[in-house]
Amino acid sequence: MDYQGMEKRRFVRAKFPCSISIHTLHEHIITTYTENISAGGVRVIIEEKLEMSSTVGLEVQINKNIIVCKGRIVWVVDRESPYKKGLRYHDTGIEFYEINENDRRVINDAIEEILKCEK
């Protein structure tokens, strides 16, 4: 079940599982894949709960491009795993900031290509 809150998005998003490394405040790196992405941010599902409004470093691989920027945790929804009783995970929204406009354009171009192929 996806987050059912009100949509406040400024950017079009696409379901696109690209590799992402999240560098936390405690110098810990979480490596996973995105659930969806937009030029404004990403949604990831991770085991570690990140603190709301905290800042993280991000490395996102879009095709052959590595996007390096900072992100801010804007929402976290705790979920129970449908596969293993008692296992919790965290559906997490991360907003991009301190991102180069060329990098934002790379993300947006990739999203437009994905959406064009889905039609």
N, C-alpha and C. Protein backbone atom coordinates (compact mmCIF):
# COMPACT_ATOMS: atom_id res chain seq x y z
N MET A 1 0.84 -1.17 0.00
CA MET A 1 0.00 0.00 0.00
C MET A 1 0.89 1.24 0.00
N ASP A 2 0.66 2.16 -0.90
CA ASP A 2 1.44 3.37 -1.00
C ASP A 2 0.91 4.45 -0.07
N TYR A 3 1.74 5.44 0.17
CA TYR A 3 1.36 6.59 0.97
C TYR A 3 0.10 7.22 0.40
N GLN A 4 -0.87 7.50 1.25
CA GLN A 4 -2.17 8.01 0.81
C GLN A 4 -2.36 9.48 1.11
N GLY A 5 -1.30 10.20 1.47
CA GLY A 5 -1.40 11.62 1.80
C GLY A 5 -1.68 12.47 0.57
N MET A 6 -1.92 13.75 0.80
CA MET A 6 -2.24 14.67 -0.27
C MET A 6 -1.00 14.89 -1.14
N GLU A 7 -1.20 14.86 -2.45
CA GLU A 7 -0.11 15.09 -3.40
C GLU A 7 0.20 16.58 -3.46
N LYS A 8 1.46 16.94 -3.22
CA LYS A 8 1.88 18.32 -3.27
C LYS A 8 3.08 18.45 -4.21
N ARG A 9 3.16 17.62 -5.21
CA ARG A 9 4.35 17.54 -6.03
C ARG A 9 4.41 18.63 -7.09
N ARG A 10 5.61 19.19 -7.26
CA ARG A 10 5.85 20.19 -8.30
C ARG A 10 6.44 19.54 -9.54
N PHE A 11 6.96 18.32 -9.40
CA PHE A 11 7.64 17.65 -10.50
C PHE A 11 6.95 16.33 -10.82
N VAL A 12 6.96 15.96 -12.09
CA VAL A 12 6.41 14.68 -12.52
C VAL A 12 7.35 13.59 -12.02
N ARG A 13 6.78 12.50 -11.54
CA ARG A 13 7.62 11.40 -11.06
C ARG A 13 7.37 10.16 -11.88
N ALA A 14 8.35 9.27 -11.85
CA ALA A 14 8.23 8.01 -12.58
C ALA A 14 8.73 6.87 -11.71
N LYS A 15 8.11 5.72 -11.87
CA LYS A 15 8.58 4.52 -11.18
C LYS A 15 9.84 4.07 -11.93
N PHE A 16 10.98 4.24 -11.29
CA PHE A 16 12.26 3.99 -11.94
C PHE A 16 13.26 3.53 -10.89
N PRO A 17 13.60 2.25 -10.89
CA PRO A 17 14.51 1.72 -9.88
C PRO A 17 15.98 1.96 -10.24
N CYS A 18 16.50 3.13 -9.86
CA CYS A 18 17.92 3.39 -10.11
C CYS A 18 18.68 3.27 -8.79
N SER A 19 19.96 2.97 -8.90
CA SER A 19 20.82 2.80 -7.74
C SER A 19 21.01 4.13 -7.02
N ILE A 20 20.94 4.07 -5.68
CA ILE A 20 21.15 5.28 -4.88
C ILE A 20 21.94 4.93 -3.63
N SER A 21 22.88 5.81 -3.29
CA SER A 21 23.62 5.70 -2.03
C SER A 21 23.24 6.90 -1.18
N ILE A 22 22.86 6.62 0.06
CA ILE A 22 22.44 7.67 0.99
C ILE A 22 23.50 7.75 2.07
N HIS A 23 24.14 8.90 2.19
CA HIS A 23 25.18 9.13 3.19
C HIS A 23 24.55 9.84 4.38
N THR A 24 24.40 9.14 5.50
CA THR A 24 23.71 9.70 6.67
C THR A 24 24.64 10.60 7.47
N LEU A 25 24.06 11.30 8.44
CA LEU A 25 24.82 12.19 9.32
C LEU A 25 25.88 11.43 10.11
N HIS A 26 25.65 10.16 10.34
CA HIS A 26 26.56 9.35 11.15
C HIS A 26 27.61 8.65 10.29
N GLU A 27 27.85 9.18 9.09
CA GLU A 27 28.84 8.65 8.16
C GLU A 27 28.59 7.18 7.82
N HIS A 28 27.34 6.83 7.79
CA HIS A 28 26.90 5.49 7.42
C HIS A 28 26.30 5.60 6.02
N ILE A 29 26.56 4.60 5.18
CA ILE A 29 26.03 4.63 3.81
C ILE A 29 24.98 3.55 3.64
N ILE A 30 23.82 3.95 3.13
CA ILE A 30 22.74 3.02 2.82
C ILE A 30 22.68 2.94 1.29
N THR A 31 22.81 1.74 0.77
CA THR A 31 22.74 1.54 -0.68
C THR A 31 21.46 0.78 -0.99
N THR A 32 20.67 1.32 -1.92
CA THR A 32 19.39 0.71 -2.27
C THR A 32 19.00 1.15 -3.68
N TYR A 33 17.74 0.96 -4.01
CA TYR A 33 17.20 1.41 -5.30
C TYR A 33 16.01 2.30 -5.04
N THR A 34 15.79 3.24 -5.93
CA THR A 34 14.65 4.13 -5.78
C THR A 34 13.36 3.40 -6.13
N GLU A 35 12.28 3.78 -5.48
CA GLU A 35 10.95 3.29 -5.83
C GLU A 35 10.39 4.17 -6.95
N ASN A 36 10.57 5.47 -6.78
CA ASN A 36 10.24 6.42 -7.84
C ASN A 36 11.14 7.63 -7.70
N ILE A 37 11.17 8.44 -8.76
CA ILE A 37 12.07 9.58 -8.78
C ILE A 37 11.41 10.71 -9.57
N SER A 38 11.75 11.93 -9.18
CA SER A 38 11.36 13.11 -9.94
C SER A 38 12.55 14.06 -9.91
N ALA A 39 12.45 15.16 -10.63
CA ALA A 39 13.52 16.15 -10.60
C ALA A 39 13.58 16.83 -9.23
N GLY A 40 12.57 16.60 -8.39
CA GLY A 40 12.53 17.19 -7.06
C GLY A 40 12.96 16.28 -5.93
N GLY A 41 13.00 14.96 -6.18
CA GLY A 41 13.38 14.05 -5.10
C GLY A 41 13.11 12.60 -5.43
N VAL A 42 13.29 11.75 -4.41
CA VAL A 42 13.13 10.30 -4.59
C VAL A 42 12.34 9.70 -3.44
N ARG A 43 11.81 8.52 -3.71
CA ARG A 43 11.18 7.69 -2.68
C ARG A 43 11.98 6.41 -2.61
N VAL A 44 12.38 6.03 -1.39
CA VAL A 44 13.12 4.79 -1.18
C VAL A 44 12.47 4.02 -0.04
N ILE A 45 12.68 2.72 -0.03
CA ILE A 45 12.23 1.88 1.07
C ILE A 45 13.49 1.28 1.69
N ILE A 46 13.71 1.61 2.98
CA ILE A 46 14.94 1.20 3.65
C ILE A 46 14.63 0.64 5.03
N GLU A 47 15.58 -0.11 5.58
CA GLU A 47 15.39 -0.68 6.92
C GLU A 47 15.67 0.33 8.02
N GLU A 48 16.57 1.26 7.76
CA GLU A 48 16.95 2.25 8.77
C GLU A 48 16.00 3.44 8.74
N LYS A 49 15.56 3.87 9.92
CA LYS A 49 14.67 5.03 9.98
C LYS A 49 15.53 6.29 10.06
N LEU A 50 15.36 7.17 9.09
CA LEU A 50 16.08 8.44 9.08
C LEU A 50 15.21 9.51 9.71
N GLU A 51 15.83 10.45 10.38
CA GLU A 51 15.12 11.49 11.12
C GLU A 51 14.53 12.53 10.16
N MET A 52 13.28 12.88 10.41
CA MET A 52 12.61 13.91 9.60
C MET A 52 13.42 15.19 9.60
N SER A 53 13.47 15.84 8.45
CA SER A 53 14.18 17.10 8.23
C SER A 53 15.70 16.98 8.29
N SER A 54 16.22 15.78 8.49
CA SER A 54 17.67 15.63 8.51
C SER A 54 18.21 15.72 7.08
N THR A 55 19.49 16.05 6.99
CA THR A 55 20.16 16.21 5.71
C THR A 55 21.00 14.97 5.43
N VAL A 56 20.97 14.53 4.19
CA VAL A 56 21.79 13.38 3.77
C VAL A 56 22.51 13.74 2.48
N GLY A 57 23.62 13.07 2.24
CA GLY A 57 24.29 13.18 0.96
C GLY A 57 23.73 12.09 0.05
N LEU A 58 23.60 12.37 -1.23
CA LEU A 58 23.03 11.41 -2.17
C LEU A 58 23.93 11.22 -3.38
N GLU A 59 23.99 10.00 -3.85
CA GLU A 59 24.59 9.67 -5.13
C GLU A 59 23.58 8.81 -5.86
N VAL A 60 23.04 9.33 -6.95
CA VAL A 60 22.00 8.64 -7.71
C VAL A 60 22.54 8.34 -9.10
N GLN A 61 22.43 7.06 -9.51
CA GLN A 61 22.89 6.70 -10.84
C GLN A 61 21.71 6.67 -11.79
N ILE A 62 21.73 7.59 -12.76
CA ILE A 62 20.69 7.66 -13.80
C ILE A 62 21.38 7.31 -15.11
N ASN A 63 21.07 6.13 -15.63
CA ASN A 63 21.74 5.64 -16.83
C ASN A 63 23.24 5.67 -16.60
N LYS A 64 24.01 6.44 -17.35
CA LYS A 64 25.47 6.48 -17.16
C LYS A 64 25.91 7.69 -16.34
N ASN A 65 24.97 8.44 -15.81
CA ASN A 65 25.27 9.66 -15.04
C ASN A 65 25.18 9.39 -13.55
N ILE A 66 26.13 9.95 -12.80
CA ILE A 66 26.07 9.90 -11.34
C ILE A 66 25.71 11.31 -10.86
N ILE A 67 24.56 11.44 -10.21
CA ILE A 67 24.11 12.71 -9.68
C ILE A 67 24.52 12.76 -8.21
N VAL A 68 25.29 13.77 -7.85
CA VAL A 68 25.73 13.95 -6.46
C VAL A 68 25.09 15.24 -5.95
N CYS A 69 24.34 15.12 -4.85
CA CYS A 69 23.67 16.29 -4.28
C CYS A 69 23.36 16.03 -2.82
N LYS A 70 22.72 16.98 -2.21
CA LYS A 70 22.23 16.81 -0.84
C LYS A 70 20.72 16.58 -0.90
N GLY A 71 20.21 15.94 0.13
CA GLY A 71 18.79 15.70 0.23
C GLY A 71 18.30 15.97 1.63
N ARG A 72 16.99 16.19 1.75
CA ARG A 72 16.35 16.43 3.05
C ARG A 72 15.23 15.42 3.19
N ILE A 73 15.16 14.77 4.34
CA ILE A 73 14.09 13.80 4.60
C ILE A 73 12.80 14.58 4.85
N VAL A 74 11.81 14.38 3.97
CA VAL A 74 10.56 15.14 4.08
C VAL A 74 9.39 14.32 4.60
N TRP A 75 9.47 13.01 4.51
CA TRP A 75 8.44 12.17 5.12
C TRP A 75 8.97 10.75 5.31
N VAL A 76 8.44 10.08 6.33
CA VAL A 76 8.78 8.69 6.63
C VAL A 76 7.51 7.99 7.07
N VAL A 77 7.20 6.87 6.44
CA VAL A 77 6.04 6.07 6.83
C VAL A 77 6.56 4.69 7.21
N ASP A 78 6.35 4.30 8.48
CA ASP A 78 6.77 2.99 8.96
C ASP A 78 5.80 1.93 8.46
N ARG A 79 6.36 0.83 8.01
CA ARG A 79 5.55 -0.28 7.49
C ARG A 79 6.05 -1.60 8.06
N GLU A 80 5.16 -2.57 8.10
CA GLU A 80 5.56 -3.92 8.47
C GLU A 80 5.77 -4.70 7.18
N SER A 81 6.80 -5.52 7.16
CA SER A 81 7.10 -6.31 5.98
C SER A 81 5.98 -7.31 5.71
N PRO A 82 5.54 -7.40 4.45
CA PRO A 82 4.53 -8.41 4.12
C PRO A 82 5.14 -9.81 4.04
N TYR A 83 6.48 -9.88 4.10
CA TYR A 83 7.17 -11.15 3.92
C TYR A 83 7.65 -11.78 5.21
N LYS A 84 7.94 -10.96 6.23
CA LYS A 84 8.48 -11.51 7.47
C LYS A 84 7.86 -10.79 8.65
N LYS A 85 7.12 -11.52 9.48
CA LYS A 85 6.43 -10.95 10.63
C LYS A 85 7.44 -10.30 11.57
N GLY A 86 7.11 -9.09 12.01
CA GLY A 86 7.95 -8.38 12.96
C GLY A 86 9.03 -7.52 12.32
N LEU A 87 9.28 -7.70 11.03
CA LEU A 87 10.28 -6.89 10.34
C LEU A 87 9.64 -5.59 9.88
N ARG A 88 10.26 -4.47 10.23
CA ARG A 88 9.74 -3.16 9.85
C ARG A 88 10.66 -2.53 8.82
N TYR A 89 10.08 -1.72 7.98
CA TYR A 89 10.88 -0.95 7.04
C TYR A 89 10.28 0.45 6.95
N HIS A 90 11.00 1.35 6.28
CA HIS A 90 10.63 2.76 6.29
C HIS A 90 10.55 3.29 4.86
N ASP A 91 9.34 3.60 4.46
CA ASP A 91 9.06 4.22 3.17
C ASP A 91 9.43 5.70 3.36
N THR A 92 10.42 6.17 2.61
CA THR A 92 11.04 7.46 2.91
C THR A 92 11.08 8.37 1.68
N GLY A 93 10.64 9.61 1.86
CA GLY A 93 10.69 10.62 0.81
C GLY A 93 11.85 11.56 1.05
N ILE A 94 12.68 11.75 0.04
CA ILE A 94 13.86 12.62 0.15
C ILE A 94 13.77 13.70 -0.93
N GLU A 95 13.79 14.93 -0.50
CA GLU A 95 13.76 16.06 -1.43
C GLU A 95 15.19 16.46 -1.80
N PHE A 96 15.45 16.64 -3.09
CA PHE A 96 16.76 17.12 -3.52
C PHE A 96 16.91 18.59 -3.16
N TYR A 97 18.10 18.96 -2.69
CA TYR A 97 18.47 20.36 -2.62
C TYR A 97 19.98 20.42 -2.78
N GLU A 98 20.49 21.60 -3.03
CA GLU A 98 21.90 21.74 -3.40
C GLU A 98 22.21 20.80 -4.55
N ILE A 99 21.36 20.86 -5.58
CA ILE A 99 21.54 20.03 -6.77
C ILE A 99 21.84 20.94 -7.95
N ASN A 100 22.79 20.56 -8.74
CA ASN A 100 23.16 21.29 -9.94
C ASN A 100 21.99 21.24 -10.93
N GLU A 101 21.68 22.36 -11.56
CA GLU A 101 20.55 22.40 -12.50
C GLU A 101 20.76 21.46 -13.69
N ASN A 102 22.00 21.26 -14.12
CA ASN A 102 22.26 20.28 -15.19
C ASN A 102 21.90 18.87 -14.74
N ASP A 103 22.21 18.56 -13.47
CA ASP A 103 21.85 17.24 -12.93
C ASP A 103 20.33 17.09 -12.84
N ARG A 104 19.65 18.14 -12.43
CA ARG A 104 18.19 18.10 -12.34
C ARG A 104 17.61 17.86 -13.75
N ARG A 105 18.23 18.47 -14.76
CA ARG A 105 17.79 18.30 -16.15
C ARG A 105 18.01 16.85 -16.61
N VAL A 106 19.14 16.24 -16.22
CA VAL A 106 19.40 14.84 -16.56
C VAL A 106 18.29 13.95 -16.00
N ILE A 107 17.92 14.20 -14.75
CA ILE A 107 16.84 13.42 -14.13
C ILE A 107 15.53 13.64 -14.88
N ASN A 108 15.21 14.88 -15.15
CA ASN A 108 13.95 15.20 -15.83
C ASN A 108 13.90 14.58 -17.22
N ASP A 109 15.02 14.63 -17.97
CA ASP A 109 15.06 14.02 -19.30
C ASP A 109 14.84 12.52 -19.22
N ALA A 110 15.44 11.86 -18.23
CA ALA A 110 15.27 10.41 -18.05
C ALA A 110 13.81 10.08 -17.74
N ILE A 111 13.18 10.89 -16.90
CA ILE A 111 11.77 10.68 -16.54
C ILE A 111 10.88 10.84 -17.77
N GLU A 112 11.13 11.89 -18.54
CA GLU A 112 10.33 12.09 -19.75
C GLU A 112 10.46 10.92 -20.71
N GLU A 113 11.66 10.36 -20.84
CA GLU A 113 11.88 9.20 -21.71
C GLU A 113 11.13 7.98 -21.18
N ILE A 114 11.16 7.77 -19.87
CA ILE A 114 10.44 6.64 -19.26
C ILE A 114 8.94 6.78 -19.50
N LEU A 115 8.41 7.97 -19.25
CA LEU A 115 6.98 8.18 -19.41
C LEU A 115 6.55 8.05 -20.88
N LYS A 116 7.41 8.46 -21.79
CA LYS A 116 7.11 8.33 -23.22
C LYS A 116 7.01 6.84 -23.60
N CYS A 117 7.90 6.03 -23.03
CA CYS A 117 7.90 4.59 -23.34
C CYS A 117 6.70 3.87 -22.73
N GLU A 118 6.15 4.40 -21.64
CA GLU A 118 5.01 3.78 -20.96
C GLU A 118 3.70 3.98 -21.72
N LYS A 119 3.66 4.98 -22.59
CA LYS A 119 2.42 5.28 -23.32
C LYS A 119 2.14 4.30 -24.40
